[in-house]
Amino acid sequence: MKRIKSSYEDLQNNIRTLKTPAIEVWENKYSDRDYAVHLSTPECTCICPKTGLPDFVTVNVTYGPDKTCVELKSFKMYITAFRDVGIFHEHLVNRILDDFVAACAPRWAKVEAAVNPRGGITATVAAEYRKK
């Protein structure tokens, strides 16, 4: 039996070069202090590259700001840009982490995605960054 390929399946090859909105930042006036910022949004959706069905994801980002902090409206626009993107959960988390670190150069960051259950399985994926 021939497997039907999802129209989203080949997009995984270009996930690192996918065009997304910029994550904007603002100057941190307390860059001399260690502190943490936690961002959480249940409004992330993307497309399963195998089935073409929507995945509903809660994205949590915790980071230690250095010279800049992330501007929240731009971060929301960035997250919602994945709405029509076929992407595996593991790729989603790593792509968000890469873009987040590139935007604000934090001391450290952790991105975690909790995906709503599908087929009786709940998936949670996390990736971390530490400045060297």
C-alpha atoms as a PDB file:
ATOM      1  CA  MET A   1       0.000   0.000   0.000  1.00  0.00           C
ATOM      2  CA  LYS A   2       1.423   3.363  -1.026  1.00  0.00           C
ATOM      3  CA  ARG A   3       1.645   5.960   1.745  1.00  0.00           C
ATOM      4  CA  ILE A   4       0.091   9.337   0.965  1.00  0.00           C
ATOM      5  CA  LYS A   5       2.556  12.114   1.693  1.00  0.00           C
ATOM      6  CA  SER A   6       1.360  15.220   3.537  1.00  0.00           C
ATOM      7  CA  SER A   7       1.805  18.499   1.658  1.00  0.00           C
ATOM      8  CA  TYR A   8       3.635  19.779   4.759  1.00  0.00           C
ATOM      9  CA  GLU A   9       6.126  16.910   4.977  1.00  0.00           C
ATOM     10  CA  ASP A  10       8.943  18.337   2.838  1.00  0.00           C
ATOM     11  CA  LEU A  11       8.922  21.635   4.738  1.00  0.00           C
ATOM     12  CA  GLN A  12      11.120  20.075   7.450  1.00  0.00           C
ATOM     13  CA  ASN A  13      14.054  20.389   5.037  1.00  0.00           C
ATOM     14  CA  ASN A  14      13.829  24.194   5.147  1.00  0.00           C
ATOM     15  CA  ILE A  15      12.794  24.753   8.750  1.00  0.00           C
ATOM     16  CA  ARG A  16      16.033  26.561   9.666  1.00  0.00           C
ATOM     17  CA  THR A  17      15.554  29.078   6.843  1.00  0.00           C
ATOM     18  CA  LEU A  18      11.809  29.632   7.263  1.00  0.00           C
ATOM     19  CA  LYS A  19      10.996  33.362   7.170  1.00  0.00           C
ATOM     20  CA  THR A  20       9.417  34.527  10.439  1.00  0.00           C
ATOM     21  CA  PRO A  21       8.608  37.954  11.911  1.00  0.00           C
ATOM     22  CA  ALA A  22      11.415  39.601  13.876  1.00  0.00           C
ATOM     23  CA  ILE A  23      11.453  39.350  17.655  1.00  0.00           C
ATOM     24  CA  GLU A  24      12.044  42.911  18.835  1.00  0.00           C
ATOM     25  CA  VAL A  25      13.948  43.880  21.982  1.00  0.00           C
ATOM     26  CA  TRP A  26      14.394  46.853  24.293  1.00  0.00           C
ATOM     27  CA  GLU A  27      17.325  47.955  26.457  1.00  0.00           C
ATOM     28  CA  ASN A  28      17.578  46.301  29.869  1.00  0.00           C
ATOM     29  CA  LYS A  29      18.404  48.948  32.482  1.00  0.00           C
ATOM     30  CA  TYR A  30      19.176  46.199  35.034  1.00  0.00           C
ATOM     31  CA  SER A  31      21.718  44.235  32.992  1.00  0.00           C
ATOM     32  CA  ASP A  32      24.040  44.242  36.029  1.00  0.00           C
ATOM     33  CA  ARG A  33      21.573  41.994  37.902  1.00  0.00           C
ATOM     34  CA  ASP A  34      20.718  38.315  37.451  1.00  0.00           C
ATOM     35  CA  TYR A  35      16.971  37.780  37.170  1.00  0.00           C
ATOM     36  CA  ALA A  36      14.552  35.617  35.234  1.00  0.00           C
ATOM     37  CA  VAL A  37      11.648  36.410  32.924  1.00  0.00           C
ATOM     38  CA  HIS A  38       8.998  33.784  32.218  1.00  0.00           C
ATOM     39  CA  LEU A  39       6.781  34.082  29.139  1.00  0.00           C
ATOM     40  CA  SER A  40       3.877  31.707  28.546  1.00  0.00           C
ATOM     41  CA  THR A  41       1.353  31.570  25.745  1.00  0.00           C
ATOM     42  CA  PRO A  42      -1.301  28.943  25.036  1.00  0.00           C
ATOM     43  CA  GLU A  43      -1.917  30.541  21.626  1.00  0.00           C
ATOM     44  CA  CYS A  44       0.679  28.716  19.528  1.00  0.00           C
ATOM     45  CA  THR A  45      -0.645  26.504  16.773  1.00  0.00           C
ATOM     46  CA  CYS A  46       1.162  24.709  13.997  1.00  0.00           C
ATOM     47  CA  ILE A  47       0.440  21.896  11.572  1.00  0.00           C
ATOM     48  CA  CYS A  48       1.440  18.259  12.009  1.00  0.00           C
ATOM     49  CA  PRO A  49       3.660  17.537   8.980  1.00  0.00           C
ATOM     50  CA  LYS A  50       2.416  13.946   8.830  1.00  0.00           C
ATOM     51  CA  THR A  51      -1.355  14.401   9.120  1.00  0.00           C
ATOM     52  CA  GLY A  52      -1.871  18.040   8.125  1.00  0.00           C
ATOM     53  CA  LEU A  53      -3.984  18.477  11.273  1.00  0.00           C
ATOM     54  CA  PRO A  54      -3.508  21.405  13.681  1.00  0.00           C
ATOM     55  CA  ASP A  55      -1.439  21.054  16.842  1.00  0.00           C
ATOM     56  CA  PHE A  56      -2.268  23.280  19.800  1.00  0.00           C
ATOM     57  CA  VAL A  57       0.779  24.170  21.861  1.00  0.00           C
ATOM     58  CA  THR A  58       1.499  26.074  25.071  1.00  0.00           C
ATOM     59  CA  VAL A  59       4.921  27.675  24.681  1.00  0.00           C
ATOM     60  CA  ASN A  60       6.881  28.620  27.805  1.00  0.00           C
ATOM     61  CA  VAL A  61      10.090  30.624  27.586  1.00  0.00           C
ATOM     62  CA  THR A  62      12.180  31.407  30.629  1.00  0.00           C
ATOM     63  CA  TYR A  63      15.322  33.485  30.201  1.00  0.00           C
ATOM     64  CA  GLY A  64      17.928  35.518  31.999  1.00  0.00           C
ATOM     65  CA  PRO A  65      18.147  38.894  30.271  1.00  0.00           C
ATOM     66  CA  ASP A  66      21.514  40.446  29.532  1.00  0.00           C
ATOM     67  CA  LYS A  67      21.628  43.757  27.658  1.00  0.00           C
ATOM     68  CA  THR A  68      18.123  43.460  26.148  1.00  0.00           C
ATOM     69  CA  CYS A  69      14.660  42.108  26.934  1.00  0.00           C
ATOM     70  CA  VAL A  70      12.105  40.739  24.494  1.00  0.00           C
ATOM     71  CA  GLU A  71       9.221  42.979  23.458  1.00  0.00           C
ATOM     72  CA  LEU A  72       6.043  40.973  24.026  1.00  0.00           C
ATOM     73  CA  LYS A  73       3.868  42.064  21.090  1.00  0.00           C
ATOM     74  CA  SER A  74       6.572  41.109  18.600  1.00  0.00           C
ATOM     75  CA  PHE A  75       7.034  37.786  20.381  1.00  0.00           C
ATOM     76  CA  LYS A  76       3.305  37.079  20.056  1.00  0.00           C
ATOM     77  CA  MET A  77       3.408  37.938  16.333  1.00  0.00           C
ATOM     78  CA  TYR A  78       6.416  35.634  15.976  1.00  0.00           C
ATOM     79  CA  ILE A  79       4.633  32.743  17.732  1.00  0.00           C
ATOM     80  CA  THR A  80       1.450  33.132  15.673  1.00  0.00           C
ATOM     81  CA  ALA A  81       3.507  32.942  12.456  1.00  0.00           C
ATOM     82  CA  PHE A  82       3.748  29.162  12.955  1.00  0.00           C
ATOM     83  CA  ARG A  83      -0.026  28.793  12.519  1.00  0.00           C
ATOM     84  CA  ASP A  84       0.188  27.460   8.941  1.00  0.00           C
ATOM     85  CA  VAL A  85       3.616  25.846   9.212  1.00  0.00           C
ATOM     86  CA  GLY A  86       4.043  22.095   9.063  1.00  0.00           C
ATOM     87  CA  ILE A  87       6.635  21.450  11.770  1.00  0.00           C
ATOM     88  CA  PHE A  88       7.545  18.679  14.175  1.00  0.00           C
ATOM     89  CA  HIS A  89       7.365  19.668  17.863  1.00  0.00           C
ATOM     90  CA  GLU A  90      11.098  19.096  18.313  1.00  0.00           C
ATOM     91  CA  HIS A  91      11.869  21.418  15.410  1.00  0.00           C
ATOM     92  CA  LEU A  92       9.416  24.033  16.696  1.00  0.00           C
ATOM     93  CA  VAL A  93      11.129  24.237  20.095  1.00  0.00           C
ATOM     94  CA  ASN A  94      14.631  24.390  18.663  1.00  0.00           C
ATOM     95  CA  ARG A  95      13.649  26.992  16.053  1.00  0.00           C
ATOM     96  CA  ILE A  96      12.022  29.205  18.719  1.00  0.00           C
ATOM     97  CA  LEU A  97      15.135  28.885  20.910  1.00  0.00           C
ATOM     98  CA  ASP A  98      17.471  29.777  18.009  1.00  0.00           C
ATOM     99  CA  ASP A  99      15.432  32.844  17.049  1.00  0.00           C
ATOM    100  CA  PHE A 100      14.962  33.947  20.660  1.00  0.00           C
ATOM    101  CA  VAL A 101      18.691  33.745  21.412  1.00  0.00           C
ATOM    102  CA  ALA A 102      19.555  35.540  18.154  1.00  0.00           C
ATOM    103  CA  ALA A 103      17.137  38.352  19.025  1.00  0.00           C
ATOM    104  CA  CYS A 104      18.038  39.134  22.634  1.00  0.00           C
ATOM    105  CA  ALA A 105      21.343  37.330  23.393  1.00  0.00           C
ATOM    106  CA  PRO A 106      20.261  36.259  26.895  1.00  0.00           C
ATOM    107  CA  ARG A 107      22.547  34.879  29.580  1.00  0.00           C
ATOM    108  CA  TRP A 108      20.515  31.679  29.399  1.00  0.00           C
ATOM    109  CA  ALA A 109      17.170  30.568  28.024  1.00  0.00           C
ATOM    110  CA  LYS A 110      14.842  27.589  28.105  1.00  0.00           C
ATOM    111  CA  VAL A 111      11.997  26.975  25.666  1.00  0.00           C
ATOM    112  CA  GLU A 112       9.389  24.370  26.466  1.00  0.00           C
ATOM    113  CA  ALA A 113       6.386  23.371  24.375  1.00  0.00           C
ATOM    114  CA  ALA A 114       3.524  21.363  25.829  1.00  0.00           C
ATOM    115  CA  VAL A 115       1.424  19.969  23.001  1.00  0.00           C
ATOM    116  CA  ASN A 116      -2.238  19.108  23.570  1.00  0.00           C
ATOM    117  CA  PRO A 117      -2.808  15.347  23.564  1.00  0.00           C
ATOM    118  CA  ARG A 118      -3.364  13.634  20.258  1.00  0.00           C
ATOM    119  CA  GLY A 119      -4.062   9.927  19.981  1.00  0.00           C
ATOM    120  CA  GLY A 120      -3.790   9.654  23.758  1.00  0.00           C
ATOM    121  CA  ILE A 121      -0.202  10.955  23.821  1.00  0.00           C
ATOM    122  CA  THR A 122       0.904  14.232  25.367  1.00  0.00           C
ATOM    123  CA  ALA A 123       4.238  15.565  24.136  1.00  0.00           C
ATOM    124  CA  THR A 124       6.420  18.089  25.949  1.00  0.00           C
ATOM    125  CA  VAL A 125       9.673  19.198  24.347  1.00  0.00           C
ATOM    126  CA  ALA A 126      12.332  21.443  25.942  1.00  0.00           C
ATOM    127  CA  ALA A 127      15.612  22.943  24.754  1.00  0.00           C
ATOM    128  CA  GLU A 128      18.106  25.135  26.617  1.00  0.00           C
ATOM    129  CA  TYR A 129      20.829  27.667  25.868  1.00  0.00           C
ATOM    130  CA  ARG A 130      23.645  28.962  28.093  1.00  0.00           C
ATOM    131  CA  LYS A 131      25.967  31.776  27.090  1.00  0.00           C
ATOM    132  CA  LYS A 132      29.540  30.517  26.985  1.00  0.00           C
END
